[in-house]
Amino acid sequence: MQLGRVLGTVVASVKSEGLEGVRLLIVQPLDRQQNPRGNALVAADALATAGPDDLVHYVSAREAAEALEESFVPVDQAIVGIVDAVEESAR
């Protein structure tokens, strides 16, 4: 599972076919302790409900391309869940 925090939105006046109406959000990847990890990225919002400051679960690569209603669109990341809480079990 990849965790991220939504920072904002991206406005695109022209999109590839199949991405019309899909929101693009800026997401900061997080580690297990919810600290920033790496650079922010752009993810398609497959849920159409994520918003600023939401903790989200996103997928990458082929899974991202299949997450949207129109399959195999040209996206590298897609938001597939809004996270309510993160709990680590003792090992």
PDB file of N, CA and C in Angstrom:
ATOM      1  N   MET A   1       0.851  -1.174   0.000  1.00  0.00           N
ATOM      2  CA  MET A   1       0.000   0.000   0.000  1.00  0.00           C
ATOM      3  C   MET A   1       0.891   1.228   0.000  1.00  0.00           C
ATOM      4  N   GLN A   2       0.535   2.198  -0.839  1.00  0.00           N
ATOM      5  CA  GLN A   2       1.254   3.457  -0.890  1.00  0.00           C
ATOM      6  C   GLN A   2       0.364   4.539  -0.295  1.00  0.00           C
ATOM      7  N   LEU A   3       0.890   5.222   0.711  1.00  0.00           N
ATOM      8  CA  LEU A   3       0.145   6.288   1.372  1.00  0.00           C
ATOM      9  C   LEU A   3       0.604   7.636   0.862  1.00  0.00           C
ATOM     10  N   GLY A   4      -0.319   8.585   0.826  1.00  0.00           N
ATOM     11  CA  GLY A   4       0.029   9.940   0.431  1.00  0.00           C
ATOM     12  C   GLY A   4      -0.946  10.932   1.024  1.00  0.00           C
ATOM     13  N   ARG A   5      -0.545  12.188   1.005  1.00  0.00           N
ATOM     14  CA  ARG A   5      -1.397  13.279   1.486  1.00  0.00           C
ATOM     15  C   ARG A   5      -1.666  14.202   0.302  1.00  0.00           C
ATOM     16  N   VAL A   6      -2.937  14.514   0.065  1.00  0.00           N
ATOM     17  CA  VAL A   6      -3.309  15.400  -1.039  1.00  0.00           C
ATOM     18  C   VAL A   6      -2.914  16.830  -0.684  1.00  0.00           C
ATOM     19  N   LEU A   7      -2.127  17.444  -1.568  1.00  0.00           N
ATOM     20  CA  LEU A   7      -1.673  18.818  -1.355  1.00  0.00           C
ATOM     21  C   LEU A   7      -2.501  19.834  -2.129  1.00  0.00           C
ATOM     22  N   GLY A   8      -3.021  19.436  -3.272  1.00  0.00           N
ATOM     23  CA  GLY A   8      -3.777  20.377  -4.094  1.00  0.00           C
ATOM     24  C   GLY A   8      -4.209  19.736  -5.397  1.00  0.00           C
ATOM     25  N   THR A   9      -4.589  20.580  -6.344  1.00  0.00           N
ATOM     26  CA  THR A   9      -5.091  20.088  -7.626  1.00  0.00           C
ATOM     27  C   THR A   9      -4.221  20.587  -8.776  1.00  0.00           C
ATOM     28  N   VAL A  10      -4.356  19.914  -9.897  1.00  0.00           N
ATOM     29  CA  VAL A  10      -3.698  20.302 -11.137  1.00  0.00           C
ATOM     30  C   VAL A  10      -4.798  20.630 -12.132  1.00  0.00           C
ATOM     31  N   VAL A  11      -4.636  21.734 -12.848  1.00  0.00           N
ATOM     32  CA  VAL A  11      -5.603  22.110 -13.876  1.00  0.00           C
ATOM     33  C   VAL A  11      -4.968  21.839 -15.233  1.00  0.00           C
ATOM     34  N   ALA A  12      -5.640  21.039 -16.030  1.00  0.00           N
ATOM     35  CA  ALA A  12      -5.160  20.717 -17.380  1.00  0.00           C
ATOM     36  C   ALA A  12      -6.239  21.120 -18.373  1.00  0.00           C
ATOM     37  N   SER A  13      -5.906  22.018 -19.274  1.00  0.00           N
ATOM     38  CA  SER A  13      -6.900  22.469 -20.248  1.00  0.00           C
ATOM     39  C   SER A  13      -7.098  21.457 -21.368  1.00  0.00           C
ATOM     40  N   VAL A  14      -6.098  20.598 -21.584  1.00  0.00           N
ATOM     41  CA  VAL A  14      -6.196  19.546 -22.592  1.00  0.00           C
ATOM     42  C   VAL A  14      -5.772  18.235 -21.933  1.00  0.00           C
ATOM     43  N   LYS A  15      -6.597  17.184 -22.094  1.00  0.00           N
ATOM     44  CA  LYS A  15      -6.292  15.876 -21.512  1.00  0.00           C
ATOM     45  C   LYS A  15      -6.381  14.802 -22.586  1.00  0.00           C
ATOM     46  N   SER A  16      -5.702  13.699 -22.357  1.00  0.00           N
ATOM     47  CA  SER A  16      -5.797  12.555 -23.267  1.00  0.00           C
ATOM     48  C   SER A  16      -7.211  12.001 -23.253  1.00  0.00           C
ATOM     49  N   GLU A  17      -7.575  11.362 -24.341  1.00  0.00           N
ATOM     50  CA  GLU A  17      -8.888  10.732 -24.434  1.00  0.00           C
ATOM     51  C   GLU A  17      -9.049   9.734 -23.288  1.00  0.00           C
ATOM     52  N   GLY A  18     -10.184   9.749 -22.642  1.00  0.00           N
ATOM     53  CA  GLY A  18     -10.435   8.863 -21.516  1.00  0.00           C
ATOM     54  C   GLY A  18     -10.203   9.533 -20.172  1.00  0.00           C
ATOM     55  N   LEU A  19      -9.533  10.700 -20.181  1.00  0.00           N
ATOM     56  CA  LEU A  19      -9.274  11.413 -18.926  1.00  0.00           C
ATOM     57  C   LEU A  19     -10.164  12.644 -18.754  1.00  0.00           C
ATOM     58  N   GLU A  20     -11.067  12.872 -19.695  1.00  0.00           N
ATOM     59  CA  GLU A  20     -11.970  14.002 -19.556  1.00  0.00           C
ATOM     60  C   GLU A  20     -12.810  13.822 -18.292  1.00  0.00           C
ATOM     61  N   GLY A  21     -12.873  14.854 -17.474  1.00  0.00           N
ATOM     62  CA  GLY A  21     -13.663  14.799 -16.249  1.00  0.00           C
ATOM     63  C   GLY A  21     -12.959  14.153 -15.063  1.00  0.00           C
ATOM     64  N   VAL A  22     -11.764  13.607 -15.267  1.00  0.00           N
ATOM     65  CA  VAL A  22     -11.010  12.990 -14.170  1.00  0.00           C
ATOM     66  C   VAL A  22     -10.173  14.072 -13.490  1.00  0.00           C
ATOM     67  N   ARG A  23     -10.322  14.188 -12.175  1.00  0.00           N
ATOM     68  CA  ARG A  23      -9.539  15.174 -11.424  1.00  0.00           C
ATOM     69  C   ARG A  23      -8.112  14.696 -11.254  1.00  0.00           C
ATOM     70  N   LEU A  24      -7.170  15.624 -11.370  1.00  0.00           N
ATOM     71  CA  LEU A  24      -5.763  15.333 -11.143  1.00  0.00           C
ATOM     72  C   LEU A  24      -5.335  16.051  -9.868  1.00  0.00           C
ATOM     73  N   LEU A  25      -4.758  15.302  -8.928  1.00  0.00           N
ATOM     74  CA  LEU A  25      -4.390  15.854  -7.628  1.00  0.00           C
ATOM     75  C   LEU A  25      -2.896  15.723  -7.373  1.00  0.00           C
ATOM     76  N   ILE A  26      -2.345  16.691  -6.659  1.00  0.00           N
ATOM     77  CA  ILE A  26      -0.943  16.638  -6.238  1.00  0.00           C
ATOM     78  C   ILE A  26      -0.908  15.866  -4.921  1.00  0.00           C
ATOM     79  N   VAL A  27      -0.086  14.819  -4.876  1.00  0.00           N
ATOM     80  CA  VAL A  27      -0.012  13.946  -3.705  1.00  0.00           C
ATOM     81  C   VAL A  27       1.428  13.864  -3.211  1.00  0.00           C
ATOM     82  N   GLN A  28       1.616  14.044  -1.911  1.00  0.00           N
ATOM     83  CA  GLN A  28       2.922  13.875  -1.285  1.00  0.00           C
ATOM     84  C   GLN A  28       3.013  12.453  -0.737  1.00  0.00           C
ATOM     85  N   PRO A  29       3.901  11.603  -1.289  1.00  0.00           N
ATOM     86  CA  PRO A  29       4.059  10.252  -0.740  1.00  0.00           C
ATOM     87  C   PRO A  29       4.515  10.310   0.720  1.00  0.00           C
ATOM     88  N   LEU A  30       4.053   9.341   1.513  1.00  0.00           N
ATOM     89  CA  LEU A  30       4.386   9.281   2.940  1.00  0.00           C
ATOM     90  C   LEU A  30       4.961   7.914   3.291  1.00  0.00           C
ATOM     91  N   ASP A  31       5.795   7.892   4.342  1.00  0.00           N
ATOM     92  CA  ASP A  31       6.299   6.616   4.841  1.00  0.00           C
ATOM     93  C   ASP A  31       5.316   6.068   5.878  1.00  0.00           C
ATOM     94  N   ARG A  32       5.685   4.973   6.549  1.00  0.00           N
ATOM     95  CA  ARG A  32       4.767   4.330   7.507  1.00  0.00           C
ATOM     96  C   ARG A  32       4.405   5.226   8.686  1.00  0.00           C
ATOM     97  N   GLN A  33       5.289   6.161   9.028  1.00  0.00           N
ATOM     98  CA  GLN A  33       5.023   7.084  10.128  1.00  0.00           C
ATOM     99  C   GLN A  33       4.337   8.359   9.632  1.00  0.00           C
ATOM    100  N   GLN A  34       3.932   8.372   8.365  1.00  0.00           N
ATOM    101  CA  GLN A  34       3.260   9.486   7.710  1.00  0.00           C
ATOM    102  C   GLN A  34       4.146  10.716   7.569  1.00  0.00           C
ATOM    103  N   ASN A  35       5.461  10.479   7.435  1.00  0.00           N
ATOM    104  CA  ASN A  35       6.404  11.550   7.144  1.00  0.00           C
ATOM    105  C   ASN A  35       6.607  11.617   5.636  1.00  0.00           C
ATOM    106  N   PRO A  36       6.832  12.829   5.080  1.00  0.00           N
ATOM    107  CA  PRO A  36       7.043  12.954   3.633  1.00  0.00           C
ATOM    108  C   PRO A  36       8.182  12.058   3.147  1.00  0.00           C
ATOM    109  N   ARG A  37       7.967  11.434   1.981  1.00  0.00           N
ATOM    110  CA  ARG A  37       8.958  10.538   1.372  1.00  0.00           C
ATOM    111  C   ARG A  37       9.056  10.898  -0.105  1.00  0.00           C
ATOM    112  N   GLY A  38      10.180  11.455  -0.508  1.00  0.00           N
ATOM    113  CA  GLY A  38      10.383  11.774  -1.914  1.00  0.00           C
ATOM    114  C   GLY A  38       9.615  13.005  -2.364  1.00  0.00           C
ATOM    115  N   ASN A  39       9.537  13.157  -3.677  1.00  0.00           N
ATOM    116  CA  ASN A  39       8.882  14.313  -4.286  1.00  0.00           C
ATOM    117  C   ASN A  39       7.381  14.089  -4.447  1.00  0.00           C
ATOM    118  N   ALA A  40       6.643  15.187  -4.458  1.00  0.00           N
ATOM    119  CA  ALA A  40       5.205  15.122  -4.716  1.00  0.00           C
ATOM    120  C   ALA A  40       4.982  14.617  -6.141  1.00  0.00           C
ATOM    121  N   LEU A  41       3.814  14.032  -6.374  1.00  0.00           N
ATOM    122  CA  LEU A  41       3.475  13.483  -7.692  1.00  0.00           C
ATOM    123  C   LEU A  41       2.045  13.851  -8.043  1.00  0.00           C
ATOM    124  N   VAL A  42       1.683  13.615  -9.287  1.00  0.00           N
ATOM    125  CA  VAL A  42       0.312  13.868  -9.735  1.00  0.00           C
ATOM    126  C   VAL A  42      -0.389  12.526  -9.878  1.00  0.00           C
ATOM    127  N   ALA A  43      -1.577  12.424  -9.288  1.00  0.00           N
ATOM    128  CA  ALA A  43      -2.359  11.185  -9.356  1.00  0.00           C
ATOM    129  C   ALA A  43      -3.770  11.492  -9.837  1.00  0.00           C
ATOM    130  N   ALA A  44      -4.296  10.617 -10.655  1.00  0.00           N
ATOM    131  CA  ALA A  44      -5.691  10.723 -11.082  1.00  0.00           C
ATOM    132  C   ALA A  44      -6.577  10.270  -9.920  1.00  0.00           C
ATOM    133  N   ASP A  45      -7.653  10.991  -9.685  1.00  0.00           N
ATOM    134  CA  ASP A  45      -8.562  10.670  -8.584  1.00  0.00           C
ATOM    135  C   ASP A  45      -9.643   9.709  -9.072  1.00  0.00           C
ATOM    136  N   ALA A  46      -9.400   8.410  -8.925  1.00  0.00           N
ATOM    137  CA  ALA A  46     -10.351   7.396  -9.382  1.00  0.00           C
ATOM    138  C   ALA A  46     -11.639   7.431  -8.568  1.00  0.00           C
ATOM    139  N   LEU A  47     -11.590   7.999  -7.370  1.00  0.00           N
ATOM    140  CA  LEU A  47     -12.768   8.073  -6.502  1.00  0.00           C
ATOM    141  C   LEU A  47     -13.623   9.293  -6.793  1.00  0.00           C
ATOM    142  N   ALA A  48     -13.009  10.327  -7.309  1.00  0.00           N
ATOM    143  CA  ALA A  48     -13.659  11.623  -7.553  1.00  0.00           C
ATOM    144  C   ALA A  48     -14.149  12.271  -6.264  1.00  0.00           C
ATOM    145  N   THR A  49     -13.554  11.882  -5.116  1.00  0.00           N
ATOM    146  CA  THR A  49     -13.980  12.457  -3.839  1.00  0.00           C
ATOM    147  C   THR A  49     -12.820  12.945  -2.975  1.00  0.00           C
ATOM    148  N   ALA A  50     -11.587  12.659  -3.345  1.00  0.00           N
ATOM    149  CA  ALA A  50     -10.448  13.071  -2.526  1.00  0.00           C
ATOM    150  C   ALA A  50     -10.269  14.580  -2.610  1.00  0.00           C
ATOM    151  N   GLY A  51      -9.789  15.163  -1.525  1.00  0.00           N
ATOM    152  CA  GLY A  51      -9.592  16.608  -1.488  1.00  0.00           C
ATOM    153  C   GLY A  51      -8.367  16.978  -0.696  1.00  0.00           C
ATOM    154  N   PRO A  52      -8.058  18.278  -0.638  1.00  0.00           N
ATOM    155  CA  PRO A  52      -6.878  18.751   0.066  1.00  0.00           C
ATOM    156  C   PRO A  52      -6.788  18.224   1.493  1.00  0.00           C
ATOM    157  N   ASP A  53      -5.597  17.805   1.855  1.00  0.00           N
ATOM    158  CA  ASP A  53      -5.235  17.301   3.186  1.00  0.00           C
ATOM    159  C   ASP A  53      -5.761  15.892   3.477  1.00  0.00           C
ATOM    160  N   ASP A  54      -6.454  15.252   2.543  1.00  0.00           N
ATOM    161  CA  ASP A  54      -6.895  13.870   2.749  1.00  0.00           C
ATOM    162  C   ASP A  54      -5.699  12.926   2.729  1.00  0.00           C
ATOM    163  N   LEU A  55      -5.728  11.928   3.596  1.00  0.00           N
ATOM    164  CA  LEU A  55      -4.770  10.832   3.575  1.00  0.00           C
ATOM    165  C   LEU A  55      -5.335   9.800   2.612  1.00  0.00           C
ATOM    166  N   VAL A  56      -4.558   9.430   1.595  1.00  0.00           N
ATOM    167  CA  VAL A  56      -5.083   8.562   0.542  1.00  0.00           C
ATOM    168  C   VAL A  56      -4.181   7.355   0.306  1.00  0.00           C
ATOM    169  N   HIS A  57      -4.767   6.348  -0.301  1.00  0.00           N
ATOM    170  CA  HIS A  57      -4.064   5.152  -0.772  1.00  0.00           C
ATOM    171  C   HIS A  57      -4.029   5.266  -2.284  1.00  0.00           C
ATOM    172  N   TYR A  58      -2.831   5.165  -2.871  1.00  0.00           N
ATOM    173  CA  TYR A  58      -2.734   5.244  -4.324  1.00  0.00           C
ATOM    174  C   TYR A  58      -1.950   4.064  -4.872  1.00  0.00           C
ATOM    175  N   VAL A  59      -2.189   3.782  -6.139  1.00  0.00           N
ATOM    176  CA  VAL A  59      -1.503   2.703  -6.832  1.00  0.00           C
ATOM    177  C   VAL A  59      -0.738   3.290  -8.013  1.00  0.00           C
ATOM    178  N   SER A  60       0.235   2.535  -8.484  1.00  0.00           N
ATOM    179  CA  SER A  60       1.082   2.999  -9.580  1.00  0.00           C
ATOM    180  C   SER A  60       1.099   2.003 -10.728  1.00  0.00           C
ATOM    181  N   ALA A  61       1.646   2.447 -11.833  1.00  0.00           N
ATOM    182  CA  ALA A  61       1.895   1.620 -13.017  1.00  0.00           C
ATOM    183  C   ALA A  61       0.594   1.061 -13.596  1.00  0.00           C
ATOM    184  N   ARG A  62       0.587  -0.218 -13.937  1.00  0.00           N
ATOM    185  CA  ARG A  62      -0.562  -0.834 -14.601  1.00  0.00           C
ATOM    186  C   ARG A  62      -1.830  -0.742 -13.758  1.00  0.00           C
ATOM    187  N   GLU A  63      -1.686  -0.907 -12.441  1.00  0.00           N
ATOM    188  CA  GLU A  63      -2.848  -0.821 -11.558  1.00  0.00           C
ATOM    189  C   GLU A  63      -3.494   0.561 -11.653  1.00  0.00           C
ATOM    190  N   ALA A  64      -2.695   1.602 -11.801  1.00  0.00           N
ATOM    191  CA  ALA A  64      -3.233   2.960 -11.937  1.00  0.00           C
ATOM    192  C   ALA A  64      -4.007   3.098 -13.235  1.00  0.00           C
ATOM    193  N   ALA A  65      -3.484   2.541 -14.305  1.00  0.00           N
ATOM    194  CA  ALA A  65      -4.144   2.629 -15.608  1.00  0.00           C
ATOM    195  C   ALA A  65      -5.467   1.882 -15.623  1.00  0.00           C
ATOM    196  N   GLU A  66      -5.616   0.880 -14.763  1.00  0.00           N
ATOM    197  CA  GLU A  66      -6.850   0.098 -14.696  1.00  0.00           C
ATOM    198  C   GLU A  66      -7.826   0.619 -13.646  1.00  0.00           C
ATOM    199  N   ALA A  67      -7.393   1.562 -12.805  1.00  0.00           N
ATOM    200  CA  ALA A  67      -8.226   2.027 -11.696  1.00  0.00           C
ATOM    201  C   ALA A  67      -9.365   2.943 -12.127  1.00  0.00           C
ATOM    202  N   LEU A  68      -9.222   3.569 -13.261  1.00  0.00           N
ATOM    203  CA  LEU A  68     -10.236   4.517 -13.712  1.00  0.00           C
ATOM    204  C   LEU A  68     -11.334   3.823 -14.496  1.00  0.00           C
ATOM    205  N   GLU A  69     -12.458   4.507 -14.645  1.00  0.00           N
ATOM    206  CA  GLU A  69     -13.590   3.923 -15.356  1.00  0.00           C
ATOM    207  C   GLU A  69     -13.196   3.527 -16.779  1.00  0.00           C
ATOM    208  N   GLU A  70     -12.445   4.401 -17.441  1.00  0.00           N
ATOM    209  CA  GLU A  70     -11.908   4.102 -18.770  1.00  0.00           C
ATOM    210  C   GLU A  70     -10.565   3.406 -18.546  1.00  0.00           C
ATOM    211  N   SER A  71     -10.469   2.109 -18.832  1.00  0.00           N
ATOM    212  CA  SER A  71      -9.247   1.349 -18.560  1.00  0.00           C
ATOM    213  C   SER A  71      -8.104   1.732 -19.491  1.00  0.00           C
ATOM    214  N   PHE A  72      -6.914   1.557 -18.989  1.00  0.00           N
ATOM    215  CA  PHE A  72      -5.667   1.755 -19.729  1.00  0.00           C
ATOM    216  C   PHE A  72      -5.491   3.166 -20.269  1.00  0.00           C
ATOM    217  N   VAL A  73      -5.870   4.140 -19.461  1.00  0.00           N
ATOM    218  CA  VAL A  73      -5.587   5.530 -19.809  1.00  0.00           C
ATOM    219  C   VAL A  73      -4.143   5.832 -19.397  1.00  0.00           C
ATOM    220  N   PRO A  74      -3.522   6.864 -19.977  1.00  0.00           N
ATOM    221  CA  PRO A  74      -2.112   7.142 -19.700  1.00  0.00           C
ATOM    222  C   PRO A  74      -1.885   7.854 -18.363  1.00  0.00           C
ATOM    223  N   VAL A  75      -1.968   7.110 -17.262  1.00  0.00           N
ATOM    224  CA  VAL A  75      -1.661   7.652 -15.936  1.00  0.00           C
ATOM    225  C   VAL A  75      -0.630   6.757 -15.257  1.00  0.00           C
ATOM    226  N   ASP A  76       0.192   7.362 -14.413  1.00  0.00           N
ATOM    227  CA  ASP A  76       1.198   6.605 -13.664  1.00  0.00           C
ATOM    228  C   ASP A  76       0.755   6.309 -12.238  1.00  0.00           C
ATOM    229  N   GLN A  77      -0.103   7.172 -11.664  1.00  0.00           N
ATOM    230  CA  GLN A  77      -0.619   6.966 -10.317  1.00  0.00           C
ATOM    231  C   GLN A  77      -2.111   7.267 -10.307  1.00  0.00           C
ATOM    232  N   ALA A  78      -2.843   6.532  -9.456  1.00  0.00           N
ATOM    233  CA  ALA A  78      -4.274   6.780  -9.285  1.00  0.00           C
ATOM    234  C   ALA A  78      -4.650   6.588  -7.822  1.00  0.00           C
ATOM    235  N   ILE A  79      -5.454   7.497  -7.312  1.00  0.00           N
ATOM    236  CA  ILE A  79      -5.958   7.399  -5.940  1.00  0.00           C
ATOM    237  C   ILE A  79      -7.122   6.421  -5.940  1.00  0.00           C
ATOM    238  N   VAL A  80      -7.025   5.392  -5.062  1.00  0.00           N
ATOM    239  CA  VAL A  80      -8.062   4.360  -5.026  1.00  0.00           C
ATOM    240  C   VAL A  80      -8.727   4.235  -3.657  1.00  0.00           C
ATOM    241  N   GLY A  81      -8.294   5.029  -2.682  1.00  0.00           N
ATOM    242  CA  GLY A  81      -8.916   4.954  -1.369  1.00  0.00           C
ATOM    243  C   GLY A  81      -8.589   6.149  -0.509  1.00  0.00           C
ATOM    244  N   ILE A  82      -9.530   6.521   0.357  1.00  0.00           N
ATOM    245  CA  ILE A  82      -9.283   7.545   1.368  1.00  0.00           C
ATOM    246  C   ILE A  82      -9.095   6.809   2.679  1.00  0.00           C
ATOM    247  N   VAL A  83      -8.005   7.086   3.369  1.00  0.00           N
ATOM    248  CA  VAL A  83      -7.618   6.357   4.580  1.00  0.00           C
ATOM    249  C   VAL A  83      -8.169   7.068   5.812  1.00  0.00           C
ATOM    250  N   ASP A  84      -8.878   6.330   6.646  1.00  0.00           N
ATOM    251  CA  ASP A  84      -9.420   6.881   7.888  1.00  0.00           C
ATOM    252  C   ASP A  84      -8.397   6.845   9.011  1.00  0.00           C
ATOM    253  N   ALA A  85      -7.623   5.756   9.098  1.00  0.00           N
ATOM    254  CA  ALA A  85      -6.652   5.610  10.167  1.00  0.00           C
ATOM    255  C   ALA A  85      -5.561   4.628   9.736  1.00  0.00           C
ATOM    256  N   VAL A  86      -4.379   4.777  10.318  1.00  0.00           N
ATOM    257  CA  VAL A  86      -3.279   3.870  10.084  1.00  0.00           C
ATOM    258  C   VAL A  86      -2.836   3.320  11.426  1.00  0.00           C
ATOM    259  N   GLU A  87      -2.851   1.994  11.554  1.00  0.00           N
ATOM    260  CA  GLU A  87      -2.410   1.345  12.775  1.00  0.00           C
ATOM    261  C   GLU A  87      -1.419   0.260  12.432  1.00  0.00           C
ATOM    262  N   GLU A  88      -0.292   0.247  13.121  1.00  0.00           N
ATOM    263  CA  GLU A  88       0.699  -0.811  12.905  1.00  0.00           C
ATOM    264  C   GLU A  88       0.554  -1.854  13.997  1.00  0.00           C
ATOM    265  N   SER A  89       0.536  -3.093  13.586  1.00  0.00           N
ATOM    266  CA  SER A  89       0.457  -4.156  14.570  1.00  0.00           C
ATOM    267  C   SER A  89       1.855  -4.450  15.109  1.00  0.00           C
ATOM    268  N   ALA A  90       1.919  -4.916  16.338  1.00  0.00           N
ATOM    269  CA  ALA A  90       3.213  -5.277  16.947  1.00  0.00           C
ATOM    270  C   ALA A  90       3.758  -6.512  16.267  1.00  0.00           C
ATOM    271  N   ARG A  91       5.051  -6.531  16.075  1.00  0.00           N
ATOM    272  CA  ARG A  91       5.680  -7.684  15.420  1.00  0.00           C
ATOM    273  C   ARG A  91       6.294  -8.601  16.414  1.00  0.00           C
TER     274      ARG A  91
END
